[in-house]
Protein backbone atom coordinates (compact mmCIF):
# COMPACT_ATOMS: atom_id res chain seq x y z
CA MET A 1 -182.55 28.74 87.12
CA LYS A 2 -185.92 30.23 86.14
CA VAL A 3 -186.67 30.13 82.44
CA LEU A 4 -188.83 32.30 80.17
CA LEU A 5 -190.30 30.49 77.13
CA THR A 6 -191.24 32.77 74.24
CA ARG A 7 -192.35 30.69 71.24
CA PRO A 8 -195.76 31.44 69.67
CA GLN A 9 -198.93 30.23 71.41
CA GLY A 10 -199.16 26.44 71.36
CA ARG A 11 -195.49 25.92 70.45
CA ASN A 12 -193.97 25.74 73.95
CA GLN A 13 -195.44 22.45 75.14
CA LEU A 14 -192.40 20.21 74.52
CA MET A 15 -190.10 22.59 76.37
CA GLU A 16 -192.59 23.00 79.21
CA GLU A 17 -192.75 19.21 79.63
CA ALA A 18 -188.96 18.86 79.49
CA LEU A 19 -188.40 21.56 82.11
CA SER A 20 -191.12 20.13 84.38
CA LEU A 21 -189.46 16.71 84.24
CA ARG A 22 -186.22 18.34 85.37
CA ASN A 23 -187.92 20.39 88.11
CA VAL A 24 -186.92 23.66 86.45
CA SER A 25 -189.28 26.60 87.04
CA TYR A 26 -190.52 28.47 83.98
CA LEU A 27 -192.98 31.05 82.71
CA THR A 28 -194.46 31.08 79.21
CA THR A 29 -195.01 34.40 77.45
CA PRO A 30 -195.42 34.08 73.67
CA LEU A 31 -193.52 36.93 72.01
CA LEU A 32 -194.55 36.09 68.46
CA HIS A 33 -197.83 35.39 66.76
CA VAL A 34 -198.19 33.86 63.32
CA LYS A 35 -201.11 34.01 60.90
CA PRO A 36 -201.60 32.86 57.27
CA THR A 37 -201.11 35.22 54.37
CA SER A 38 -203.46 35.61 51.43
CA ASN A 39 -200.94 33.92 49.08
CA LEU A 40 -202.97 30.73 49.04
CA ASP A 41 -204.86 30.81 45.72
CA ASP A 42 -205.43 27.19 44.61
CA GLN A 43 -204.85 27.71 40.89
CA GLN A 44 -201.66 29.69 41.39
CA ILE A 45 -200.39 27.12 43.88
CA ASP A 46 -201.06 24.19 41.54
CA SER A 47 -199.07 25.85 38.76
CA ALA A 48 -196.08 26.56 41.02
CA LEU A 49 -196.12 23.05 42.47
CA GLN A 50 -196.07 21.32 39.14
CA GLN A 51 -193.02 23.29 38.01
CA ALA A 52 -190.99 22.87 41.19
CA ASP A 53 -188.02 20.51 41.37
CA ILE A 54 -187.11 21.35 44.97
CA PHE A 55 -189.04 22.67 47.97
CA ILE A 56 -187.19 24.16 50.94
CA PHE A 57 -189.16 24.71 54.14
CA ILE A 58 -187.81 27.34 56.51
CA SER A 59 -189.92 26.49 59.57
CA THR A 60 -192.69 24.33 60.99
CA ASN A 61 -195.06 27.23 60.31
CA ALA A 62 -194.10 27.02 56.64
CA VAL A 63 -195.10 23.34 56.66
CA LYS A 64 -198.30 24.00 58.62
CA PHE A 65 -199.72 26.81 56.51
CA ALA A 66 -198.59 25.42 53.15
CA SER A 67 -200.02 21.96 53.84
CA THR A 68 -203.31 23.48 55.00
CA ALA A 69 -203.55 25.33 51.70
CA ILE A 70 -202.84 22.44 49.36
CA THR A 71 -203.68 19.29 51.36
CA ASP A 72 -202.29 16.29 49.43
CA LYS A 73 -201.04 17.99 46.28
CA TRP A 74 -197.30 17.81 46.96
CA PRO A 75 -195.60 16.36 43.84
CA SER A 76 -193.84 13.06 44.45
CA SER A 77 -191.14 13.86 41.90
CA ALA A 78 -189.79 16.88 43.81
CA GLN A 79 -187.04 16.91 46.45
CA TYR A 80 -187.84 18.31 49.89
CA PHE A 81 -185.56 20.02 52.37
CA ALA A 82 -186.05 21.21 55.95
CA VAL A 83 -183.94 23.77 57.74
CA GLY A 84 -184.20 22.00 61.12
CA GLU A 85 -185.26 18.89 63.00
CA ALA A 86 -188.73 20.15 63.94
CA THR A 87 -189.46 21.16 60.35
CA TYR A 88 -188.19 17.79 59.14
CA LEU A 89 -190.53 15.99 61.58
CA ALA A 90 -193.47 18.18 60.52
CA LEU A 91 -192.91 17.11 56.91
CA LYS A 92 -192.47 13.49 57.93
CA ALA A 93 -195.85 13.62 59.69
CA LEU A 94 -197.34 14.51 56.29
CA GLY A 95 -195.65 11.53 54.67
CA ILE A 96 -193.00 13.69 52.99
CA ASN A 97 -189.46 12.36 53.11
CA ALA A 98 -187.17 15.38 53.39
CA GLU A 99 -183.49 16.01 53.86
CA LYS A 100 -182.51 18.27 56.74
CA ALA A 101 -179.60 20.52 57.61
CA PRO A 102 -176.82 18.87 59.67
CA ALA A 103 -177.54 18.53 63.40
CA ASP A 104 -174.68 20.85 64.35
CA CYS A 105 -175.83 23.64 61.99
CA GLN A 106 -179.60 23.69 61.60
CA GLN A 107 -179.85 26.96 59.74
CA THR A 108 -179.26 28.40 56.27
CA GLU A 109 -175.54 27.69 56.30
CA GLY A 110 -176.20 24.06 57.20
CA LEU A 111 -178.62 23.61 54.32
CA LEU A 112 -176.15 25.13 51.87
CA SER A 113 -173.50 22.62 52.98
CA LEU A 114 -175.60 19.65 51.83
CA ALA A 115 -174.14 17.81 48.84
CA THR A 116 -177.62 17.54 47.28
CA LEU A 117 -177.87 21.33 47.05
CA LYS A 118 -174.40 21.88 45.58
CA HIS A 119 -175.40 21.35 41.95
CA VAL A 120 -178.76 22.95 41.25
CA ASP A 121 -178.20 24.48 37.79
CA ASP A 122 -181.56 25.36 36.18
CA LYS A 123 -183.52 23.67 38.98
CA ASN A 124 -186.80 25.32 39.94
CA ILE A 125 -186.60 25.86 43.69
CA VAL A 126 -189.50 27.10 45.83
CA ILE A 127 -188.60 28.42 49.28
CA VAL A 128 -191.63 28.14 51.57
CA ARG A 129 -191.37 30.71 54.35
CA GLY A 130 -192.93 33.65 56.17
CA VAL A 131 -193.10 37.18 54.82
CA GLY A 132 -189.80 39.03 54.90
CA GLY A 133 -187.38 36.23 55.73
CA ARG A 134 -183.62 36.20 55.15
CA GLU A 135 -182.31 36.40 51.60
CA ASP A 136 -179.00 34.57 52.15
CA LEU A 137 -180.31 31.16 51.08
CA ALA A 138 -181.88 32.42 47.87
CA LEU A 139 -178.86 34.55 46.96
CA GLU A 140 -176.49 31.61 47.31
CA LEU A 141 -178.75 29.24 45.37
CA CYS A 142 -179.03 31.84 42.61
CA GLN A 143 -175.23 31.96 42.55
CA ARG A 144 -175.43 28.22 41.95
CA LYS A 145 -177.67 29.01 38.93
CA ALA A 146 -180.98 27.80 40.33
CA ASN A 147 -184.32 29.42 39.44
CA LEU A 148 -185.70 30.75 42.73
CA SER A 149 -189.17 31.68 43.86
CA TYR A 150 -190.76 32.28 47.27
CA TRP A 151 -194.05 31.05 48.60
CA GLU A 152 -194.72 33.23 51.65
CA VAL A 153 -197.49 31.44 53.53
CA TYR A 154 -197.51 33.24 56.89
CA GLN A 155 -196.66 36.53 58.50
CA ARG A 156 -195.30 37.29 61.93
CA GLY A 157 -196.19 39.92 64.46
CA CYS A 158 -195.85 40.75 68.15
CA PRO A 159 -198.78 39.81 70.40
CA GLU A 160 -200.51 42.61 72.26
CA LEU A 161 -198.95 42.69 75.72
CA ASP A 162 -199.49 44.67 78.90
CA ILE A 163 -195.82 45.58 78.96
CA SER A 164 -195.52 46.94 82.50
CA ASN A 165 -197.37 44.00 84.03
CA ILE A 166 -195.54 41.42 81.92
CA CYS A 167 -192.08 42.77 82.82
CA GLN A 168 -193.02 43.00 86.48
CA GLN A 169 -194.24 39.39 86.37
CA TRP A 170 -190.92 38.25 84.86
CA GLN A 171 -188.90 40.03 87.55
CA THR A 172 -191.13 38.93 90.44
CA PHE A 173 -190.90 35.32 89.26
CA GLY A 174 -187.13 35.67 89.13
CA ILE A 175 -186.57 35.00 85.43
CA ASP A 176 -182.82 34.72 84.79
CA THR A 177 -182.78 32.68 81.56
CA ILE A 178 -184.66 33.41 78.32
CA ILE A 179 -185.05 30.99 75.43
CA ILE A 180 -185.19 32.67 72.03
CA THR A 181 -185.89 30.56 68.93
CA SER A 182 -185.84 33.20 66.19
CA GLY A 183 -184.58 36.66 65.34
CA ASP A 184 -188.15 37.97 65.32
CA ILE A 185 -188.70 36.82 68.90
CA LEU A 186 -185.46 38.49 69.94
CA ASP A 187 -186.58 41.74 68.27
CA ASN A 188 -189.92 41.59 70.08
CA LEU A 189 -188.24 40.87 73.42
CA VAL A 190 -185.99 43.89 73.14
CA LYS A 191 -188.94 46.07 72.07
CA THR A 192 -191.04 44.78 74.98
CA VAL A 193 -188.52 45.52 77.75
CA PRO A 194 -188.56 49.27 78.54
CA ASN A 195 -185.30 51.21 78.69
CA GLU A 196 -185.33 51.42 82.49
CA LEU A 197 -185.36 47.62 82.72
CA PHE A 198 -182.74 46.94 80.08
CA ALA A 199 -180.04 46.54 82.75
CA TRP A 200 -182.12 43.66 84.18
CA LEU A 201 -182.39 42.07 80.72
CA GLN A 202 -178.60 42.27 80.40
CA THR A 203 -178.25 40.12 83.53
CA CYS A 204 -180.30 37.32 81.95
CA HIS A 205 -178.78 34.33 80.15
CA ILE A 206 -180.13 34.46 76.59
CA ILE A 207 -180.24 31.17 74.64
CA VAL A 208 -180.43 31.63 70.85
CA PRO A 209 -180.73 29.16 67.94
CA SER A 210 -178.04 30.33 65.52
CA SER A 211 -174.93 32.41 64.96
CA ARG A 212 -177.04 35.02 63.16
CA VAL A 213 -179.34 35.53 66.15
CA TYR A 214 -176.31 35.39 68.47
CA ASP A 215 -174.71 38.28 66.58
CA LYS A 216 -177.97 40.21 66.71
CA ALA A 217 -178.23 39.69 70.49
CA ILE A 218 -174.68 40.96 71.01
CA ALA A 219 -175.43 43.96 68.79
CA TYR A 220 -178.43 44.75 71.02
CA GLY A 221 -176.06 44.94 73.99
CA LEU A 222 -176.94 41.61 75.61
CA SER A 223 -173.86 40.20 77.26
CA THR A 224 -174.58 36.61 78.37
CA VAL A 225 -175.64 34.82 75.20
CA THR A 226 -175.31 31.13 74.27
CA ASN A 227 -175.75 29.77 70.74
CA ALA A 228 -177.64 26.46 70.93
CA LYS A 229 -177.01 25.99 67.16
CA ALA A 230 -180.63 24.84 66.64
CA ALA A 231 -184.09 25.75 67.87
CA ASN A 232 -185.29 22.27 68.85
CA THR A 233 -185.89 21.17 72.44
CA ASN A 234 -182.80 18.95 72.73
CA ALA A 235 -180.48 21.70 71.52
CA MET A 236 -181.98 24.19 73.96
CA LEU A 237 -181.74 21.74 76.87
CA THR A 238 -178.08 21.10 76.04
CA ALA A 239 -177.41 24.85 76.00
CA LEU A 240 -179.05 25.05 79.43
CA SER A 241 -176.79 22.19 80.62
CA LEU A 242 -179.87 20.09 81.41
């Protein structure tokens, strides 16, 4: 097994260490970059924070960029929710006690199954996320009569890559397994691999974090896809049978 790691720069370290301990060869090629948005005006943020009853964080990047913007201004009276284990731990590191989606479903559907989000009539909920995320969570919470707003604190893009050299490097190294931790990374992978090499990509084992990204991978024509059901290191290692 030779694994390709694709998280943004600086986010692959835990997986690199885990694979090294298990003597599994890997390459790291970030297929996503993340940068802050301009939605970080202090006065506007203060107003939104004071009115919020519930904050839902979609990713560790949401925690990182939001906390950088407002430092220690998180209201103690609000409830906090994290979509996954890594996001939960990022909040915990800030001293914020959050509730997380169940371990076997660390995604939108898992959050919506929590008893504490069943009855949210007239609650002011702020979803902290990147630009252009999924709408499923907000739509369902609106159905439950919550007042929804977004705080989009970062935006995603594809790093500039020397595509021909990168793809040649992957093949020469013998990559046969690719870890994907978001739909955006999957999109960028498929865009990066040229048409003439798509047959090679189809031979690779693709590990994805959710049923949504699994369905997207199948729709792209990828045939060997495993749903790890979460994006954290332990879930990915389990999907790799390590």
